[in-house]
Amino acid sequence: MFGGVFGGSQKPAGQAAPGGMGGGMGMGQAQMDPNAQLAAAEQEMEMVTDMFARLGDLCYKKCLIQRYSDEELTKAESVCTDRCVAKYFQVNRD
């Protein structure tokens, strides 16, 4: 799912991974042990949560004014945050 963000390989649709299993949440995963499936899903959830936390921290420090004068983001904060997130994903893809 987030192979590009975390450096995993992404196979084009219809191309099998080594060992004859599909490379996604398709048919190949149905043949995995349920405990292995659960462990893989938990690991992926942990990686996504970690990535989201790092992204939020980074863009918060870079873009948001530390003195809160308004409950809404200013236009500048909003634009900066949007660019920060886009740049983060661009830099961390394959």
PDB file of N, CA and C in Angstrom:
ATOM      1  N   MET A   1       0.813  -1.189   0.000  1.00  0.00           N
ATOM      2  CA  MET A   1       0.000   0.000   0.000  1.00  0.00           C
ATOM      3  C   MET A   1       0.858   1.256   0.000  1.00  0.00           C
ATOM      4  N   PHE A   2       1.835   1.365   0.904  1.00  0.00           N
ATOM      5  CA  PHE A   2       2.691   2.536   0.986  1.00  0.00           C
ATOM      6  C   PHE A   2       4.113   2.177   0.599  1.00  0.00           C
ATOM      7  N   GLY A   3       4.261   1.281  -0.365  1.00  0.00           N
ATOM      8  CA  GLY A   3       5.584   0.846  -0.782  1.00  0.00           C
ATOM      9  C   GLY A   3       6.465   1.988  -1.215  1.00  0.00           C
ATOM     10  N   GLY A   4       5.905   2.976  -1.922  1.00  0.00           N
ATOM     11  CA  GLY A   4       6.685   4.104  -2.387  1.00  0.00           C
ATOM     12  C   GLY A   4       7.204   4.946  -1.239  1.00  0.00           C
ATOM     13  N   VAL A   5       6.429   5.088  -0.202  1.00  0.00           N
ATOM     14  CA  VAL A   5       6.821   5.921   0.931  1.00  0.00           C
ATOM     15  C   VAL A   5       7.902   5.233   1.762  1.00  0.00           C
ATOM     16  N   PHE A   6       7.820   3.918   1.889  1.00  0.00           N
ATOM     17  CA  PHE A   6       8.719   3.196   2.770  1.00  0.00           C
ATOM     18  C   PHE A   6       9.779   2.396   2.036  1.00  0.00           C
ATOM     19  N   GLY A   7       9.874   2.585   0.736  1.00  0.00           N
ATOM     20  CA  GLY A   7      10.947   1.947   0.004  1.00  0.00           C
ATOM     21  C   GLY A   7      10.655   0.536  -0.460  1.00  0.00           C
ATOM     22  N   GLY A   8       9.446   0.028  -0.302  1.00  0.00           N
ATOM     23  CA  GLY A   8       9.106  -1.293  -0.797  1.00  0.00           C
ATOM     24  C   GLY A   8       8.917  -1.254  -2.293  1.00  0.00           C
ATOM     25  N   SER A   9       8.932  -2.418  -2.927  1.00  0.00           N
ATOM     26  CA  SER A   9       8.758  -2.410  -4.377  1.00  0.00           C
ATOM     27  C   SER A   9       7.282  -2.491  -4.706  1.00  0.00           C
ATOM     28  N   GLN A  10       6.938  -1.842  -5.782  1.00  0.00           N
ATOM     29  CA  GLN A  10       5.568  -1.885  -6.255  1.00  0.00           C
ATOM     30  C   GLN A  10       5.564  -2.571  -7.602  1.00  0.00           C
ATOM     31  N   LYS A  11       4.774  -3.618  -7.750  1.00  0.00           N
ATOM     32  CA  LYS A  11       4.672  -4.359  -8.994  1.00  0.00           C
ATOM     33  C   LYS A  11       3.511  -3.817  -9.807  1.00  0.00           C
ATOM     34  N   PRO A  12       3.659  -3.727 -11.128  1.00  0.00           N
ATOM     35  CA  PRO A  12       2.517  -3.351 -11.955  1.00  0.00           C
ATOM     36  C   PRO A  12       1.398  -4.356 -11.796  1.00  0.00           C
ATOM     37  N   ALA A  13       0.184  -3.930 -12.037  1.00  0.00           N
ATOM     38  CA  ALA A  13      -0.986  -4.795 -11.885  1.00  0.00           C
ATOM     39  C   ALA A  13      -0.821  -6.035 -12.735  1.00  0.00           C
ATOM     40  N   GLY A  14      -1.150  -7.175 -12.158  1.00  0.00           N
ATOM     41  CA  GLY A  14      -1.112  -8.424 -12.887  1.00  0.00           C
ATOM     42  C   GLY A  14       0.238  -9.109 -12.850  1.00  0.00           C
ATOM     43  N   GLN A  15       1.273  -8.507 -12.349  1.00  0.00           N
ATOM     44  CA  GLN A  15       2.597  -9.103 -12.293  1.00  0.00           C
ATOM     45  C   GLN A  15       2.786  -9.732 -10.925  1.00  0.00           C
ATOM     46  N   ALA A  16       3.126 -10.990 -10.901  1.00  0.00           N
ATOM     47  CA  ALA A  16       3.251 -11.712  -9.643  1.00  0.00           C
ATOM     48  C   ALA A  16       4.591 -11.423  -8.981  1.00  0.00           C
ATOM     49  N   ALA A  17       4.584 -11.472  -7.679  1.00  0.00           N
ATOM     50  CA  ALA A  17       5.808 -11.330  -6.897  1.00  0.00           C
ATOM     51  C   ALA A  17       6.566 -12.644  -6.938  1.00  0.00           C
ATOM     52  N   PRO A  18       7.853 -12.671  -6.597  1.00  0.00           N
ATOM     53  CA  PRO A  18       8.606 -13.922  -6.571  1.00  0.00           C
ATOM     54  C   PRO A  18       7.912 -14.961  -5.700  1.00  0.00           C
ATOM     55  N   GLY A  19       7.970 -16.211  -6.137  1.00  0.00           N
ATOM     56  CA  GLY A  19       7.341 -17.273  -5.380  1.00  0.00           C
ATOM     57  C   GLY A  19       5.924 -17.546  -5.850  1.00  0.00           C
ATOM     58  N   GLY A  20       5.439 -16.826  -6.840  1.00  0.00           N
ATOM     59  CA  GLY A  20       4.137 -17.094  -7.421  1.00  0.00           C
ATOM     60  C   GLY A  20       2.973 -16.430  -6.724  1.00  0.00           C
ATOM     61  N   MET A  21       3.207 -15.715  -5.639  1.00  0.00           N
ATOM     62  CA  MET A  21       2.100 -15.059  -4.942  1.00  0.00           C
ATOM     63  C   MET A  21       1.906 -13.661  -5.497  1.00  0.00           C
ATOM     64  N   GLY A  22       0.678 -13.166  -5.454  1.00  0.00           N
ATOM     65  CA  GLY A  22       0.389 -11.799  -5.870  1.00  0.00           C
ATOM     66  C   GLY A  22       1.009 -10.827  -4.893  1.00  0.00           C
ATOM     67  N   GLY A  23       1.268  -9.596  -5.335  1.00  0.00           N
ATOM     68  CA  GLY A  23       1.982  -8.659  -4.484  1.00  0.00           C
ATOM     69  C   GLY A  23       1.097  -7.639  -3.813  1.00  0.00           C
ATOM     70  N   GLY A  24      -0.071  -7.944  -3.346  1.00  0.00           N
ATOM     71  CA  GLY A  24      -0.899  -6.940  -2.695  1.00  0.00           C
ATOM     72  C   GLY A  24      -1.905  -7.603  -1.804  1.00  0.00           C
ATOM     73  N   MET A  25      -3.039  -6.965  -1.656  1.00  0.00           N
ATOM     74  CA  MET A  25      -4.087  -7.520  -0.812  1.00  0.00           C
ATOM     75  C   MET A  25      -4.982  -8.457  -1.630  1.00  0.00           C
ATOM     76  N   GLY A  26      -4.474  -8.984  -2.728  1.00  0.00           N
ATOM     77  CA  GLY A  26      -5.269  -9.829  -3.610  1.00  0.00           C
ATOM     78  C   GLY A  26      -5.182 -11.285  -3.235  1.00  0.00           C
ATOM     79  N   MET A  27      -5.115 -12.133  -4.228  1.00  0.00           N
ATOM     80  CA  MET A  27      -5.151 -13.582  -4.060  1.00  0.00           C
ATOM     81  C   MET A  27      -3.964 -14.108  -3.254  1.00  0.00           C
ATOM     82  N   GLY A  28      -2.786 -13.548  -3.423  1.00  0.00           N
ATOM     83  CA  GLY A  28      -1.599 -14.044  -2.750  1.00  0.00           C
ATOM     84  C   GLY A  28      -1.715 -13.989  -1.242  1.00  0.00           C
ATOM     85  N   GLN A  29      -2.316 -12.957  -0.713  1.00  0.00           N
ATOM     86  CA  GLN A  29      -2.434 -12.821   0.739  1.00  0.00           C
ATOM     87  C   GLN A  29      -3.456 -13.804   1.306  1.00  0.00           C
ATOM     88  N   ALA A  30      -4.400 -14.246   0.502  1.00  0.00           N
ATOM     89  CA  ALA A  30      -5.393 -15.198   0.983  1.00  0.00           C
ATOM     90  C   ALA A  30      -4.731 -16.526   1.321  1.00  0.00           C
ATOM     91  N   GLN A  31      -3.573 -16.814   0.705  1.00  0.00           N
ATOM     92  CA  GLN A  31      -2.877 -18.068   0.940  1.00  0.00           C
ATOM     93  C   GLN A  31      -1.944 -17.984   2.152  1.00  0.00           C
ATOM     94  N   MET A  32      -1.747 -16.788   2.704  1.00  0.00           N
ATOM     95  CA  MET A  32      -0.880 -16.628   3.872  1.00  0.00           C
ATOM     96  C   MET A  32      -1.576 -17.138   5.128  1.00  0.00           C
ATOM     97  N   ASP A  33      -0.774 -17.528   6.083  1.00  0.00           N
ATOM     98  CA  ASP A  33      -1.258 -17.908   7.401  1.00  0.00           C
ATOM     99  C   ASP A  33      -1.991 -16.711   8.011  1.00  0.00           C
ATOM    100  N   PRO A  34      -3.158 -16.896   8.611  1.00  0.00           N
ATOM    101  CA  PRO A  34      -3.888 -15.767   9.203  1.00  0.00           C
ATOM    102  C   PRO A  34      -3.064 -14.980  10.230  1.00  0.00           C
ATOM    103  N   ASN A  35      -2.223 -15.666  10.994  1.00  0.00           N
ATOM    104  CA  ASN A  35      -1.373 -14.967  11.969  1.00  0.00           C
ATOM    105  C   ASN A  35      -0.339 -14.094  11.263  1.00  0.00           C
ATOM    106  N   ALA A  36       0.195 -14.585  10.144  1.00  0.00           N
ATOM    107  CA  ALA A  36       1.167 -13.807   9.372  1.00  0.00           C
ATOM    108  C   ALA A  36       0.482 -12.598   8.742  1.00  0.00           C
ATOM    109  N   GLN A  37      -0.746 -12.792   8.271  1.00  0.00           N
ATOM    110  CA  GLN A  37      -1.515 -11.682   7.708  1.00  0.00           C
ATOM    111  C   GLN A  37      -1.746 -10.603   8.755  1.00  0.00           C
ATOM    112  N   LEU A  38      -2.133 -11.012   9.946  1.00  0.00           N
ATOM    113  CA  LEU A  38      -2.387 -10.067  11.034  1.00  0.00           C
ATOM    114  C   LEU A  38      -1.105  -9.325  11.409  1.00  0.00           C
ATOM    115  N   ALA A  39       0.001 -10.038  11.499  1.00  0.00           N
ATOM    116  CA  ALA A  39       1.277  -9.414  11.836  1.00  0.00           C
ATOM    117  C   ALA A  39       1.681  -8.403  10.763  1.00  0.00           C
ATOM    118  N   ALA A  40       1.474  -8.747   9.481  1.00  0.00           N
ATOM    119  CA  ALA A  40       1.807  -7.835   8.389  1.00  0.00           C
ATOM    120  C   ALA A  40       0.923  -6.594   8.432  1.00  0.00           C
ATOM    121  N   ALA A  41      -0.357  -6.779   8.713  1.00  0.00           N
ATOM    122  CA  ALA A  41      -1.286  -5.643   8.799  1.00  0.00           C
ATOM    123  C   ALA A  41      -0.930  -4.743   9.977  1.00  0.00           C
ATOM    124  N   GLU A  42      -0.566  -5.336  11.105  1.00  0.00           N
ATOM    125  CA  GLU A  42      -0.169  -4.541  12.275  1.00  0.00           C
ATOM    126  C   GLU A  42       1.110  -3.763  11.996  1.00  0.00           C
ATOM    127  N   GLN A  43       2.066  -4.392  11.311  1.00  0.00           N
ATOM    128  CA  GLN A  43       3.318  -3.711  10.983  1.00  0.00           C
ATOM    129  C   GLN A  43       3.058  -2.551  10.022  1.00  0.00           C
ATOM    130  N   GLU A  44       2.203  -2.762   9.026  1.00  0.00           N
ATOM    131  CA  GLU A  44       1.876  -1.692   8.092  1.00  0.00           C
ATOM    132  C   GLU A  44       1.177  -0.541   8.807  1.00  0.00           C
ATOM    133  N   MET A  45       0.268  -0.855   9.715  1.00  0.00           N
ATOM    134  CA  MET A  45      -0.435   0.184  10.469  1.00  0.00           C
ATOM    135  C   MET A  45       0.547   0.986  11.319  1.00  0.00           C
ATOM    136  N   GLU A  46       1.506   0.301  11.921  1.00  0.00           N
ATOM    137  CA  GLU A  46       2.520   0.974  12.736  1.00  0.00           C
ATOM    138  C   GLU A  46       3.386   1.892  11.868  1.00  0.00           C
ATOM    139  N   MET A  47       3.757   1.444  10.673  1.00  0.00           N
ATOM    140  CA  MET A  47       4.568   2.264   9.773  1.00  0.00           C
ATOM    141  C   MET A  47       3.799   3.499   9.301  1.00  0.00           C
ATOM    142  N   VAL A  48       2.531   3.331   8.979  1.00  0.00           N
ATOM    143  CA  VAL A  48       1.706   4.459   8.526  1.00  0.00           C
ATOM    144  C   VAL A  48       1.519   5.462   9.667  1.00  0.00           C
ATOM    145  N   THR A  49       1.269   4.971  10.863  1.00  0.00           N
ATOM    146  CA  THR A  49       1.104   5.845  12.025  1.00  0.00           C
ATOM    147  C   THR A  49       2.385   6.627  12.296  1.00  0.00           C
ATOM    148  N   ASP A  50       3.527   5.959  12.206  1.00  0.00           N
ATOM    149  CA  ASP A  50       4.812   6.619  12.417  1.00  0.00           C
ATOM    150  C   ASP A  50       5.057   7.680  11.349  1.00  0.00           C
ATOM    151  N   MET A  51       4.777   7.349  10.089  1.00  0.00           N
ATOM    152  CA  MET A  51       4.959   8.304   8.998  1.00  0.00           C
ATOM    153  C   MET A  51       4.074   9.527   9.200  1.00  0.00           C
ATOM    154  N   PHE A  52       2.826   9.308   9.583  1.00  0.00           N
ATOM    155  CA  PHE A  52       1.894  10.414   9.796  1.00  0.00           C
ATOM    156  C   PHE A  52       2.365  11.304  10.946  1.00  0.00           C
ATOM    157  N   ALA A  53       2.874  10.712  12.014  1.00  0.00           N
ATOM    158  CA  ALA A  53       3.371  11.487  13.157  1.00  0.00           C
ATOM    159  C   ALA A  53       4.587  12.322  12.770  1.00  0.00           C
ATOM    160  N   ARG A  54       5.521  11.719  12.020  1.00  0.00           N
ATOM    161  CA  ARG A  54       6.704  12.466  11.582  1.00  0.00           C
ATOM    162  C   ARG A  54       6.317  13.598  10.642  1.00  0.00           C
ATOM    163  N   LEU A  55       5.389  13.332   9.739  1.00  0.00           N
ATOM    164  CA  LEU A  55       4.921  14.344   8.800  1.00  0.00           C
ATOM    165  C   LEU A  55       4.251  15.498   9.538  1.00  0.00           C
ATOM    166  N   GLY A  56       3.384  15.185  10.476  1.00  0.00           N
ATOM    167  CA  GLY A  56       2.709  16.221  11.255  1.00  0.00           C
ATOM    168  C   GLY A  56       3.684  17.067  12.052  1.00  0.00           C
ATOM    169  N   ASP A  57       4.645  16.415  12.688  1.00  0.00           N
ATOM    170  CA  ASP A  57       5.667  17.131  13.458  1.00  0.00           C
ATOM    171  C   ASP A  57       6.475  18.071  12.582  1.00  0.00           C
ATOM    172  N   LEU A  58       6.951  17.552  11.475  1.00  0.00           N
ATOM    173  CA  LEU A  58       7.791  18.328  10.572  1.00  0.00           C
ATOM    174  C   LEU A  58       7.057  19.560  10.041  1.00  0.00           C
ATOM    175  N   CYS A  59       5.865  19.364   9.511  1.00  0.00           N
ATOM    176  CA  CYS A  59       5.124  20.476   8.905  1.00  0.00           C
ATOM    177  C   CYS A  59       4.593  21.445   9.963  1.00  0.00           C
ATOM    178  N   TYR A  60       4.282  20.943  11.144  1.00  0.00           N
ATOM    179  CA  TYR A  60       3.845  21.828  12.237  1.00  0.00           C
ATOM    180  C   TYR A  60       4.967  22.790  12.606  1.00  0.00           C
ATOM    181  N   LYS A  61       6.162  22.245  12.808  1.00  0.00           N
ATOM    182  CA  LYS A  61       7.307  23.079  13.191  1.00  0.00           C
ATOM    183  C   LYS A  61       7.670  24.077  12.101  1.00  0.00           C
ATOM    184  N   LYS A  62       7.523  23.654  10.853  1.00  0.00           N
ATOM    185  CA  LYS A  62       7.933  24.506   9.742  1.00  0.00           C
ATOM    186  C   LYS A  62       6.895  25.583   9.402  1.00  0.00           C
ATOM    187  N   CYS A  63       5.619  25.273   9.523  1.00  0.00           N
ATOM    188  CA  CYS A  63       4.588  26.130   8.925  1.00  0.00           C
ATOM    189  C   CYS A  63       3.693  26.893   9.897  1.00  0.00           C
ATOM    190  N   LEU A  64       3.507  26.402  11.085  1.00  0.00           N
ATOM    191  CA  LEU A  64       2.511  27.015  11.947  1.00  0.00           C
ATOM    192  C   LEU A  64       3.132  27.989  12.941  1.00  0.00           C
ATOM    193  N   ILE A  65       2.508  29.128  13.047  1.00  0.00           N
ATOM    194  CA  ILE A  65       2.936  30.157  13.984  1.00  0.00           C
ATOM    195  C   ILE A  65       2.658  29.641  15.393  1.00  0.00           C
ATOM    196  N   GLN A  66       3.633  29.763  16.271  1.00  0.00           N
ATOM    197  CA  GLN A  66       3.501  29.196  17.606  1.00  0.00           C
ATOM    198  C   GLN A  66       2.586  30.007  18.529  1.00  0.00           C
ATOM    199  N   ARG A  67       2.338  31.278  18.189  1.00  0.00           N
ATOM    200  CA  ARG A  67       1.380  32.086  18.956  1.00  0.00           C
ATOM    201  C   ARG A  67       0.026  31.971  18.259  1.00  0.00           C
ATOM    202  N   TYR A  68      -0.928  31.386  18.908  1.00  0.00           N
ATOM    203  CA  TYR A  68      -2.241  31.191  18.288  1.00  0.00           C
ATOM    204  C   TYR A  68      -3.099  32.429  18.506  1.00  0.00           C
ATOM    205  N   SER A  69      -3.336  33.162  17.428  1.00  0.00           N
ATOM    206  CA  SER A  69      -4.206  34.328  17.529  1.00  0.00           C
ATOM    207  C   SER A  69      -5.586  34.043  16.940  1.00  0.00           C
ATOM    208  N   ASP A  70      -5.703  32.922  16.255  1.00  0.00           N
ATOM    209  CA  ASP A  70      -6.957  32.559  15.605  1.00  0.00           C
ATOM    210  C   ASP A  70      -7.078  31.041  15.618  1.00  0.00           C
ATOM    211  N   GLU A  71      -8.293  30.546  15.648  1.00  0.00           N
ATOM    212  CA  GLU A  71      -8.473  29.096  15.668  1.00  0.00           C
ATOM    213  C   GLU A  71      -8.336  28.478  14.280  1.00  0.00           C
ATOM    214  N   GLU A  72      -8.386  29.290  13.244  1.00  0.00           N
ATOM    215  CA  GLU A  72      -8.248  28.811  11.869  1.00  0.00           C
ATOM    216  C   GLU A  72      -6.814  29.051  11.375  1.00  0.00           C
ATOM    217  N   LEU A  73      -6.388  28.234  10.409  1.00  0.00           N
ATOM    218  CA  LEU A  73      -5.089  28.467   9.789  1.00  0.00           C
ATOM    219  C   LEU A  73      -5.148  29.723   8.933  1.00  0.00           C
ATOM    220  N   THR A  74      -4.051  30.459   8.918  1.00  0.00           N
ATOM    221  CA  THR A  74      -3.979  31.591   8.001  1.00  0.00           C
ATOM    222  C   THR A  74      -3.743  31.043   6.602  1.00  0.00           C
ATOM    223  N   LYS A  75      -3.908  31.885   5.605  1.00  0.00           N
ATOM    224  CA  LYS A  75      -3.677  31.469   4.222  1.00  0.00           C
ATOM    225  C   LYS A  75      -2.226  31.000   4.053  1.00  0.00           C
ATOM    226  N   ALA A  76      -1.295  31.744   4.613  1.00  0.00           N
ATOM    227  CA  ALA A  76       0.124  31.382   4.506  1.00  0.00           C
ATOM    228  C   ALA A  76       0.410  30.034   5.180  1.00  0.00           C
ATOM    229  N   GLU A  77      -0.166  29.792   6.349  1.00  0.00           N
ATOM    230  CA  GLU A  77       0.024  28.520   7.047  1.00  0.00           C
ATOM    231  C   GLU A  77      -0.561  27.369   6.235  1.00  0.00           C
ATOM    232  N   SER A  78      -1.715  27.604   5.676  1.00  0.00           N
ATOM    233  CA  SER A  78      -2.385  26.575   4.886  1.00  0.00           C
ATOM    234  C   SER A  78      -1.576  26.211   3.636  1.00  0.00           C
ATOM    235  N   VAL A  79      -1.091  27.215   2.928  1.00  0.00           N
ATOM    236  CA  VAL A  79      -0.286  26.983   1.721  1.00  0.00           C
ATOM    237  C   VAL A  79       1.015  26.272   2.087  1.00  0.00           C
ATOM    238  N   CYS A  80       1.667  26.735   3.147  1.00  0.00           N
ATOM    239  CA  CYS A  80       2.917  26.123   3.593  1.00  0.00           C
ATOM    240  C   CYS A  80       2.704  24.656   3.960  1.00  0.00           C
ATOM    241  N   THR A  81       1.649  24.368   4.691  1.00  0.00           N
ATOM    242  CA  THR A  81       1.358  22.995   5.096  1.00  0.00           C
ATOM    243  C   THR A  81       1.096  22.113   3.889  1.00  0.00           C
ATOM    244  N   ASP A  82       0.318  22.619   2.934  1.00  0.00           N
ATOM    245  CA  ASP A  82       0.028  21.863   1.712  1.00  0.00           C
ATOM    246  C   ASP A  82       1.317  21.543   0.960  1.00  0.00           C
ATOM    247  N   ARG A  83       2.182  22.531   0.812  1.00  0.00           N
ATOM    248  CA  ARG A  83       3.455  22.321   0.108  1.00  0.00           C
ATOM    249  C   ARG A  83       4.369  21.377   0.875  1.00  0.00           C
ATOM    250  N   CYS A  84       4.372  21.502   2.196  1.00  0.00           N
ATOM    251  CA  CYS A  84       5.208  20.644   3.042  1.00  0.00           C
ATOM    252  C   CYS A  84       4.807  19.174   2.886  1.00  0.00           C
ATOM    253  N   VAL A  85       3.521  18.899   2.929  1.00  0.00           N
ATOM    254  CA  VAL A  85       3.033  17.522   2.793  1.00  0.00           C
ATOM    255  C   VAL A  85       3.357  16.994   1.399  1.00  0.00           C
ATOM    256  N   ALA A  86       3.104  17.795   0.364  1.00  0.00           N
ATOM    257  CA  ALA A  86       3.388  17.364  -1.010  1.00  0.00           C
ATOM    258  C   ALA A  86       4.878  17.074  -1.186  1.00  0.00           C
ATOM    259  N   LYS A  87       5.721  17.937  -0.650  1.00  0.00           N
ATOM    260  CA  LYS A  87       7.162  17.752  -0.772  1.00  0.00           C
ATOM    261  C   LYS A  87       7.618  16.515  -0.014  1.00  0.00           C
ATOM    262  N   TYR A  88       7.052  16.278   1.163  1.00  0.00           N
ATOM    263  CA  TYR A  88       7.399  15.105   1.962  1.00  0.00           C
ATOM    264  C   TYR A  88       7.130  13.827   1.169  1.00  0.00           C
ATOM    265  N   PHE A  89       5.958  13.752   0.542  1.00  0.00           N
ATOM    266  CA  PHE A  89       5.619  12.549  -0.224  1.00  0.00           C
ATOM    267  C   PHE A  89       6.460  12.441  -1.487  1.00  0.00           C
ATOM    268  N   GLN A  90       6.776  13.558  -2.116  1.00  0.00           N
ATOM    269  CA  GLN A  90       7.608  13.542  -3.312  1.00  0.00           C
ATOM    270  C   GLN A  90       9.020  13.039  -2.978  1.00  0.00           C
ATOM    271  N   VAL A  91       9.585  13.510  -1.887  1.00  0.00           N
ATOM    272  CA  VAL A  91      10.939  13.116  -1.490  1.00  0.00           C
ATOM    273  C   VAL A  91      10.981  11.666  -1.042  1.00  0.00           C
ATOM    274  N   ASN A  92       9.940  11.165  -0.421  1.00  0.00           N
ATOM    275  CA  ASN A  92       9.949   9.812   0.159  1.00  0.00           C
ATOM    276  C   ASN A  92       9.316   8.750  -0.708  1.00  0.00           C
ATOM    277  N   ARG A  93       9.174   8.997  -1.978  1.00  0.00           N
ATOM    278  CA  ARG A  93       8.665   7.954  -2.866  1.00  0.00           C
ATOM    279  C   ARG A  93       9.838   7.266  -3.544  1.00  0.00           C
ATOM    280  N   ASP A  94       9.563   6.194  -4.266  1.00  0.00           N
ATOM    281  CA  ASP A  94      10.622   5.433  -4.960  1.00  0.00           C
ATOM    282  C   ASP A  94      11.423   6.296  -5.869  1.00  0.00           C
TER     283      ASP A  94
END
